[in-house]
Structure formats: structure tokens, C-alpha cells
């Protein structure tokens, strides 16, 4: 049987009931301390007929927190909160993995608990600002450069977070390797000024991500670990002298570890890079493709063998029944940008199902 959006697929040990994946989206609905809420369980449960949900980036320990009301996966309370989420998704037959996201220098002391610092590969402040509930828009913190010992501790914290995620019922984890967060701060020549084994040549700059993947794989099994990359990405003030080559190297290293999948985004920041081709050539076939797809273009990409599944972000915001709408060819609802990052159920759990919208 040829692969289509609605046929099942296996990525490592992660079973997908279809090839429609919900991409990770920070929505800022956790408690102040990062504990997932009942609102979040309802939100993800509503979308549980996706083949796979990649839950929003969660910090492995509080130094890695970027945003107000961003969930964590550090404490027993976090694990219990996430268990409600995974139970809700599994009740719908879906699979769900947690994206592990250490923000590094992207954040503010106005967001983190008192005395918690921001860290990075090097002491280089990111240009730009971030919203804080306490003080409005603020410049990103000047980070503290991690020592080599602290780098290894951060890697161990990623492994511990992966173990806690499985304890919370997740089917696996995804390492966040894009958008200017800590993995990219090590990878990017424009940020990383280190002269030790984690800096300099590209083979050293990708070492942090490679060792995180290895540690997470040791903790829960490589066949439960994924990686998200976006070659050419310059978000949050990152740049690299040869992004395609650096990402290609990391893809090959990840492939050698036999991780479950690579979640690769189209290179909209650098159209000269064919990110999907780069991923096929350097990682292999177990690809989840992301960015700019609709049902028709997603089906065409699968039929052409470009990847094994397609992830959607914005379409899942306003369409909790996206899989059913795509299956029946129904129109998609738009979402409200004003409520993307606000607290509460509005613009989060109150989008109508197709049948309800038609009745209304």
C-alpha cells in the first residue's frame, strides 16, 4: 500500500496511526512554576487523533526556561501534570513526544526565579527583546558562558529530562535543535566563541547536540528519540558561516546513533538550502517534514517519498479536528493571533469542530 496522510507508520518505537503530525508550539498555558495544567490536557486531548503530537518545548531544568508560563520537565509536579496530557492523547489513540528545549541565552531574569542565571556557549548577548509578565519588554540577558564541566552537566540534565518524560507517559522525546536556543548557540559560528572541545571547528560545535542525543538515547533508547533542525535558521540572532555543512554534519552524526526520526523544517531563512534534500542525503528516510504544507502538498510530498510524515503547526491551532477535516476535504478555520500566548482557554480550547461550525 502506498503511503498517504492517512496510513500508519512506525518511527523507531513510536507508532503513528496516521502521518499527520502536530508540530510543537509554545502557547504559554502552564502554571508559573512550569507545571502543565488541565487546560493543556484538554488542548492536546482535543487533537489526539493526530498520528503524532510533538508537545511544546519544555525546559529540562530552570536555567533553560525562556518564557513566562512555559512548561518544564524537571519536578515531580511537572511529571504529574504531563501525565494528564499524555493520558488524554493516548485515550484518542494518538502518540505524543515531548520536545526538550533548553533556551540558553534566550530569556530574562525577570522570567526565571530569583537568582537563576541565563547561560550559553559563550558570553555573547543576543540582540532583541522578550516579553516578561513582570516588567514588559526587556533585553535578553547577558549570558554566562558554561564551563566544560557545566556543559557535561547540562547534557546529563537532558538525559534526566528524557527519563522523566517517559515516566510521564510520553512515547519519546524530541531534542530542540533550532530557533536560536542552546543547541544552536553551540552550533552557530556567529555565537560560539569557545576554544575547547565544544568550540571552533564544526565537528566541535555540533558536539553538544550529538552528546545530548547520545545521553538521551542511553536513558530511554535511541528509538524513542527525535531531533528537530532548521538549516539556515537565523532566529534569535544566530548565524553560521556554513549552515548547510554544519547541519549536514549533525544529521550524519544523528543517523549513526539510529534515532527514531529527524524533524526538519524548510529553509525559509536561506532559500539556497534545500533542507529536505539535505536531510535525505545525510540522515535517511525517517523524516518528518515541516513548514508551509496543506493537505494537497503534504500528500504529494509523501507520494514522492520525500519524508515519512508531515507536521502542521498553525492549522492545528484553529482546527482541533484537523485530521478529520483533511480526511473529508472540509475547509479549515482561521486562528486568532491575539490569543496565541495569553493565559486561559480563549483562543486555546474554544475552537469549534467542523460539525459545530457548520451548525452555527
Protein backbone atom coordinates (compact mmCIF):
# COMPACT_ATOMS: atom_id res chain seq x y z
CA UNK A 1 0.00 0.00 0.00
CA UNK A 2 1.41 3.39 -0.94
CA UNK A 3 1.94 5.87 1.88
CA UNK A 4 -0.65 8.59 2.27
CA UNK A 5 -1.52 11.04 5.02
CA UNK A 6 -3.94 8.51 6.49
CA UNK A 7 -1.84 5.34 6.55
CA UNK A 8 0.04 4.34 9.73
CA UNK A 9 3.80 4.47 10.03
CA UNK A 10 6.44 3.43 12.56
CA UNK A 11 9.28 5.79 13.51
CA UNK A 12 11.62 3.82 15.74
CA UNK A 13 9.42 2.58 18.57
CA UNK A 14 6.90 5.36 18.03
CA UNK A 15 3.74 4.17 16.27
CA UNK A 16 1.70 6.74 14.31
CA UNK A 17 -1.93 5.99 13.46
CA UNK A 18 -1.59 8.40 10.51
CA UNK A 19 1.13 10.64 9.08
CA UNK A 20 -0.33 13.95 10.23
CA UNK A 21 1.90 15.36 12.98
CA UNK A 22 1.16 18.27 15.27
CA UNK A 23 4.29 20.42 15.42
CA UNK A 24 5.50 21.85 18.75
CA UNK A 25 4.09 25.29 19.55
CA UNK A 26 4.80 27.29 22.68
CA UNK A 27 1.42 28.54 23.95
CA UNK A 28 2.25 29.73 27.49
CA UNK A 29 -0.58 27.97 29.34
CA UNK A 30 1.42 26.28 32.11
CA UNK A 31 1.46 27.36 35.75
CA UNK A 32 4.02 29.98 36.80
CA UNK A 33 6.32 27.19 38.02
CA UNK A 34 6.07 25.32 34.71
CA UNK A 35 3.55 22.69 35.79
CA UNK A 36 1.25 21.63 32.91
CA UNK A 37 -2.40 22.48 33.53
CA UNK A 38 -5.78 20.85 32.94
CA UNK A 39 -6.21 23.35 30.09
CA UNK A 40 -3.18 21.80 28.42
CA UNK A 41 -4.52 18.27 28.90
CA UNK A 42 -7.77 19.33 27.26
CA UNK A 43 -5.96 21.10 24.42
CA UNK A 44 -3.74 18.18 23.49
CA UNK A 45 -6.53 15.67 24.04
CA UNK A 46 -8.71 17.56 21.56
CA UNK A 47 -6.02 16.95 18.95
CA UNK A 48 -5.28 13.36 19.92
CA UNK A 49 -6.33 11.84 16.60
CA UNK A 50 -3.08 13.16 15.08
CA UNK A 51 -0.62 10.44 14.22
CA UNK A 52 1.91 12.13 16.49
CA UNK A 53 1.85 15.20 18.70
CA UNK A 54 5.14 16.89 19.47
CA UNK A 55 4.33 18.75 22.67
CA UNK A 56 5.72 22.24 23.11
CA UNK A 57 9.31 22.82 24.19
CA UNK A 58 9.78 22.09 27.89
CA UNK A 59 12.83 23.17 29.87
CA UNK A 60 14.93 20.32 31.32
CA UNK A 61 15.94 22.50 34.27
CA UNK A 62 15.01 26.04 35.19
CA UNK A 63 18.17 27.67 33.77
CA UNK A 64 16.74 26.69 30.38
CA UNK A 65 13.41 28.49 30.81
CA UNK A 66 12.76 31.11 28.12
CA UNK A 67 9.17 32.30 28.54
CA UNK A 68 6.54 33.07 31.14
CA UNK A 69 4.19 30.15 31.69
CA UNK A 70 6.41 27.80 29.67
CA UNK A 71 6.20 24.20 30.89
CA UNK A 72 9.11 22.32 32.41
CA UNK A 73 10.02 18.66 32.86
CA UNK A 74 12.16 18.98 35.98
CA UNK A 75 9.97 18.29 39.02
CA UNK A 76 7.58 15.61 40.23
CA UNK A 77 4.76 18.13 39.81
CA UNK A 78 5.75 18.61 36.17
CA UNK A 79 5.67 14.85 35.61
CA UNK A 80 2.21 14.54 37.18
CA UNK A 81 0.93 17.45 35.07
CA UNK A 82 2.28 15.97 31.86
CA UNK A 83 0.78 12.58 32.77
CA UNK A 84 -2.69 14.12 32.43
CA UNK A 85 -1.70 15.33 28.96
CA UNK A 86 -0.33 12.00 27.75
CA UNK A 87 -3.34 10.12 29.15
CA UNK A 88 -5.69 12.42 27.22
CA UNK A 89 -3.82 11.87 23.95
CA UNK A 90 -3.48 8.11 24.36
CA UNK A 91 -7.22 7.88 25.05
CA UNK A 92 -7.72 9.16 21.47
CA UNK A 93 -5.30 6.61 20.02
CA UNK A 94 -2.56 9.16 19.39
CA UNK A 95 1.14 9.12 20.20
CA UNK A 96 2.92 12.04 21.83
CA UNK A 97 6.55 13.02 22.38
CA UNK A 98 7.91 15.91 24.41
CA UNK A 99 10.25 18.45 22.89
CA UNK A 100 13.19 19.08 25.26
CA UNK A 101 14.17 22.74 24.90
CA UNK A 102 16.97 24.48 26.77
CA UNK A 103 16.77 28.15 25.82
CA UNK A 104 20.32 29.13 26.78
CA UNK A 105 20.77 32.89 26.40
CA UNK A 106 17.18 33.47 25.20
CA UNK A 107 15.34 34.62 28.29
CA UNK A 108 15.36 37.12 31.11
CA UNK A 109 15.95 37.21 34.85
CA UNK A 110 12.51 38.82 35.02
CA UNK A 111 11.07 35.43 33.95
CA UNK A 112 13.26 32.94 35.80
CA UNK A 113 13.12 32.50 39.59
CA UNK A 114 15.29 34.91 41.56
CA UNK A 115 18.99 34.15 41.27
CA UNK A 116 18.70 31.83 38.25
CA UNK A 117 21.14 32.88 35.55
CA UNK A 118 20.99 32.66 31.76
CA UNK A 119 23.76 30.61 30.16
CA UNK A 120 25.14 29.94 26.70
CA UNK A 121 28.05 28.51 24.79
CA UNK A 122 29.77 31.90 25.07
CA UNK A 123 29.22 35.22 26.82
CA UNK A 124 27.51 36.81 23.80
CA UNK A 125 24.22 38.62 24.34
CA UNK A 126 21.51 38.05 21.75
CA UNK A 127 20.13 41.13 20.05
CA UNK A 128 16.45 41.63 20.65
CA UNK A 129 13.91 41.66 23.46
CA UNK A 130 11.49 39.32 25.18
CA UNK A 131 8.12 39.86 26.84
CA UNK A 132 8.07 39.45 30.62
CA UNK A 133 4.88 39.46 32.68
CA UNK A 134 6.78 41.27 35.45
CA UNK A 135 8.40 44.11 33.52
CA UNK A 136 7.08 44.18 29.95
CA UNK A 137 9.58 44.04 27.08
CA UNK A 138 13.16 43.51 28.22
CA UNK A 139 16.52 42.96 26.53
CA UNK A 140 17.76 39.38 26.54
CA UNK A 141 20.09 38.69 29.46
CA UNK A 142 23.84 38.75 29.02
CA UNK A 143 24.57 35.04 29.42
CA UNK A 144 27.26 33.30 31.44
CA UNK A 145 29.46 31.01 29.35
CA UNK A 146 29.17 27.40 30.52
CA UNK A 147 32.39 25.76 31.66
CA UNK A 148 33.22 22.38 30.11
CA UNK A 149 32.10 20.70 33.34
CA UNK A 150 28.82 22.65 33.24
CA UNK A 151 28.30 21.64 29.60
CA UNK A 152 28.55 18.00 30.59
CA UNK A 153 26.12 18.65 33.46
CA UNK A 154 23.64 20.23 31.01
CA UNK A 155 23.92 17.14 28.81
CA UNK A 156 23.15 14.94 31.80
CA UNK A 157 20.15 17.13 32.58
CA UNK A 158 18.80 16.48 29.07
CA UNK A 159 19.06 12.75 29.72
CA UNK A 160 17.30 13.06 33.08
CA UNK A 161 14.55 15.12 31.44
CA UNK A 162 14.07 12.43 28.80
CA UNK A 163 13.70 9.81 31.52
CA UNK A 164 11.14 11.95 33.36
CA UNK A 165 9.23 12.43 30.09
CA UNK A 166 8.89 8.67 29.68
CA UNK A 167 7.84 8.43 33.33
CA UNK A 168 5.09 10.95 32.47
CA UNK A 169 3.79 8.66 29.72
CA UNK A 170 5.40 10.21 26.65
CA UNK A 171 6.20 7.85 23.78
CA UNK A 172 9.52 9.59 23.28
CA UNK A 173 11.29 12.95 23.20
CA UNK A 174 12.50 15.41 20.58
CA UNK A 175 15.65 17.48 21.06
CA UNK A 176 15.05 21.12 20.04
CA UNK A 177 17.96 21.96 17.75
CA UNK A 178 16.72 25.17 16.15
CA UNK A 179 15.31 28.70 16.71
CA UNK A 180 18.44 30.06 18.36
CA UNK A 181 18.22 28.05 21.59
CA UNK A 182 21.10 26.34 23.35
CA UNK A 183 21.87 23.64 20.74
CA UNK A 184 22.08 26.33 18.05
CA UNK A 185 24.13 28.58 20.30
CA UNK A 186 26.75 25.85 20.31
CA UNK A 187 26.34 25.02 16.60
CA UNK A 188 26.48 28.58 15.26
CA UNK A 189 29.87 30.07 14.47
CA UNK A 190 28.40 33.54 15.00
CA UNK A 191 27.66 32.78 18.66
CA UNK A 192 30.11 30.08 19.74
CA UNK A 193 33.50 31.62 20.58
CA UNK A 194 34.82 28.68 22.58
CA UNK A 195 38.30 27.24 22.15
CA UNK A 196 37.73 23.91 23.95
CA UNK A 197 36.26 20.66 22.60
CA UNK A 198 32.83 22.35 22.21
CA UNK A 199 34.02 25.22 20.01
CA UNK A 200 35.99 26.04 16.87
CA UNK A 201 35.53 23.53 14.05
CA UNK A 202 32.00 22.45 13.11
CA UNK A 203 32.72 18.96 14.43
CA UNK A 204 33.22 20.52 17.87
CA UNK A 205 30.30 22.94 17.62
CA UNK A 206 27.81 20.11 16.96
CA UNK A 207 29.27 18.05 19.81
CA UNK A 208 26.81 19.41 22.40
CA UNK A 209 23.78 18.27 20.36
CA UNK A 210 25.43 14.95 19.49
CA UNK A 211 26.21 14.21 23.12
CA UNK A 212 22.70 15.27 24.21
CA UNK A 213 21.23 12.79 21.72
CA UNK A 214 23.56 10.05 22.95
CA UNK A 215 22.74 10.70 26.61
CA UNK A 216 19.00 10.81 25.93
CA UNK A 217 19.29 7.60 23.91
CA UNK A 218 21.13 5.89 26.75
CA UNK A 219 18.37 6.98 29.13
CA UNK A 220 15.28 5.88 27.13
CA UNK A 221 16.52 4.17 23.94
CA UNK A 222 17.56 5.80 20.66
CA UNK A 223 14.37 4.52 19.02
CA UNK A 224 12.37 6.90 21.23
CA UNK A 225 14.49 9.99 20.44
CA UNK A 226 13.94 12.55 17.67
CA UNK A 227 15.73 15.74 16.63
CA UNK A 228 14.34 18.95 15.15
CA UNK A 229 16.52 21.04 12.84
CA UNK A 230 16.08 24.05 10.56
CA UNK A 231 19.13 24.63 8.31
CA UNK A 232 19.74 28.29 7.58
CA UNK A 233 17.74 29.46 10.59
CA UNK A 234 18.86 32.82 11.99
CA UNK A 235 16.07 33.27 14.56
CA UNK A 236 17.09 34.80 17.91
CA UNK A 237 20.26 36.30 16.45
CA UNK A 238 22.11 33.17 15.38
CA UNK A 239 24.26 32.83 12.28
CA UNK A 240 26.68 30.28 10.90
CA UNK A 241 29.45 30.53 8.36
CA UNK A 242 28.13 27.45 6.52
CA UNK A 243 24.80 26.37 7.93
CA UNK A 244 24.18 23.63 5.37
CA UNK A 245 27.53 21.97 6.08
CA UNK A 246 27.14 22.26 9.85
CA UNK A 247 23.63 20.81 9.76
CA UNK A 248 24.67 18.07 7.35
CA UNK A 249 27.38 17.02 9.76
CA UNK A 250 24.94 16.91 12.69
CA UNK A 251 22.44 14.93 10.59
CA UNK A 252 25.07 12.31 9.82
CA UNK A 253 26.05 12.05 13.47
CA UNK A 254 22.39 11.65 14.45
CA UNK A 255 21.87 8.97 11.79
CA UNK A 256 24.79 6.97 13.19
CA UNK A 257 23.00 6.89 16.54
CA UNK A 258 19.91 5.33 14.90
CA UNK A 259 17.49 7.79 16.47
CA UNK A 260 13.80 7.45 15.63
CA UNK A 261 13.40 10.43 13.31
CA UNK A 262 14.59 13.82 12.13
CA UNK A 263 12.00 16.61 12.15
CA UNK A 264 13.27 19.05 9.53
CA UNK A 265 11.89 22.48 8.65
CA UNK A 266 12.02 24.09 5.24
CA UNK A 267 14.91 26.60 4.96
CA UNK A 268 12.83 29.76 4.64
CA UNK A 269 15.64 31.85 6.14
CA UNK A 270 18.01 30.74 3.35
CA UNK A 271 16.21 29.63 0.16
CA UNK A 272 19.52 28.47 -1.32
CA UNK A 273 19.36 25.45 1.03
CA UNK A 274 17.09 22.54 0.11
CA UNK A 275 16.61 21.36 3.69
CA UNK A 276 14.57 18.29 2.81
CA UNK A 277 17.15 17.08 0.27
CA UNK A 278 19.95 17.81 2.74
CA UNK A 279 18.14 15.69 5.34
CA UNK A 280 17.53 12.75 2.98
CA UNK A 281 21.15 12.71 1.85
CA UNK A 282 22.65 12.98 5.35
CA UNK A 283 20.10 11.38 7.68
CA UNK A 284 17.95 8.99 5.69
CA UNK A 285 14.26 8.24 5.21
CA UNK A 286 12.73 8.66 8.67
CA UNK A 287 11.89 12.32 8.17
CA UNK A 288 9.03 14.47 9.41
CA UNK A 289 8.75 17.46 7.07
CA UNK A 290 7.53 20.83 8.30
CA UNK A 291 6.54 24.33 7.20
CA UNK A 292 4.02 25.63 4.71
CA UNK A 293 2.17 22.41 3.86
CA UNK A 294 -1.52 21.97 3.20
CA UNK A 295 -3.28 18.64 2.69
CA UNK A 296 -2.56 18.54 -1.04
CA UNK A 297 1.12 19.45 -0.89
CA UNK A 298 1.62 17.12 2.08
CA UNK A 299 0.10 14.20 0.17
CA UNK A 300 2.28 14.98 -2.84
CA UNK A 301 5.44 15.04 -0.70
CA UNK A 302 4.60 11.66 0.82
CA UNK A 303 3.81 10.13 -2.56
CA UNK A 304 7.15 11.42 -3.87
CA UNK A 305 8.97 9.74 -0.96
CA UNK A 306 10.33 12.99 0.42
CA UNK A 307 9.50 12.02 4.01
CA UNK A 308 7.53 9.63 6.20
CA UNK A 309 5.17 12.18 7.80
CA UNK A 310 4.23 15.87 7.61
CA UNK A 311 3.85 18.22 10.56
CA UNK A 312 1.46 21.14 10.80
CA UNK A 313 1.51 24.00 13.29
CA UNK A 314 -0.88 26.87 12.59
CA UNK A 315 -3.54 24.59 11.07
CA UNK A 316 -3.75 22.70 14.38
CA UNK A 317 -4.35 25.91 16.37
CA UNK A 318 -7.79 26.71 14.98
CA UNK A 319 -8.71 23.16 13.96
CA UNK A 320 -8.68 20.63 16.81
CA UNK A 321 -10.21 18.14 14.34
CA UNK A 322 -7.63 18.84 11.63
CA UNK A 323 -7.21 15.15 10.75
CA UNK A 324 -10.95 14.72 10.13
CA UNK A 325 -11.17 17.95 8.13
CA UNK A 326 -8.30 16.84 5.91
CA UNK A 327 -9.76 13.37 5.52
CA UNK A 328 -13.12 14.79 4.37
CA UNK A 329 -11.76 17.78 2.45
CA UNK A 330 -13.53 20.27 4.74
CA UNK A 331 -12.50 23.94 4.95
CA UNK A 332 -10.11 24.98 7.72
CA UNK A 333 -10.87 27.59 10.35
CA UNK A 334 -8.54 30.53 10.95
CA UNK A 335 -6.96 31.19 14.33
CA UNK A 336 -6.79 34.31 16.47
CA UNK A 337 -3.22 35.63 16.64
CA UNK A 338 -4.08 37.86 19.62
CA UNK A 339 -4.59 34.84 21.89
CA UNK A 340 -1.58 32.76 20.86
CA UNK A 341 0.37 33.41 24.06
CA UNK A 342 -2.24 34.66 26.52
CA UNK A 343 -3.40 32.77 29.61
CA UNK A 344 -6.73 30.96 29.73
CA UNK A 345 -8.95 28.90 27.44
CA UNK A 346 -9.79 31.66 24.95
CA UNK A 347 -8.05 31.01 21.65
CA UNK A 348 -6.77 27.72 23.03
CA UNK A 349 -9.58 25.27 23.76
CA UNK A 350 -12.62 27.07 22.36
CA UNK A 351 -12.20 26.46 18.61
CA UNK A 352 -15.21 24.70 17.13
CA UNK A 353 -15.21 21.31 15.46
CA UNK A 354 -16.23 21.29 11.80
CA UNK A 355 -19.71 19.95 12.55
CA UNK A 356 -20.26 22.59 15.23
CA UNK A 357 -19.08 25.37 12.92
CA UNK A 358 -21.44 24.23 10.18
CA UNK A 359 -24.37 24.10 12.62
CA UNK A 360 -23.56 27.57 13.90
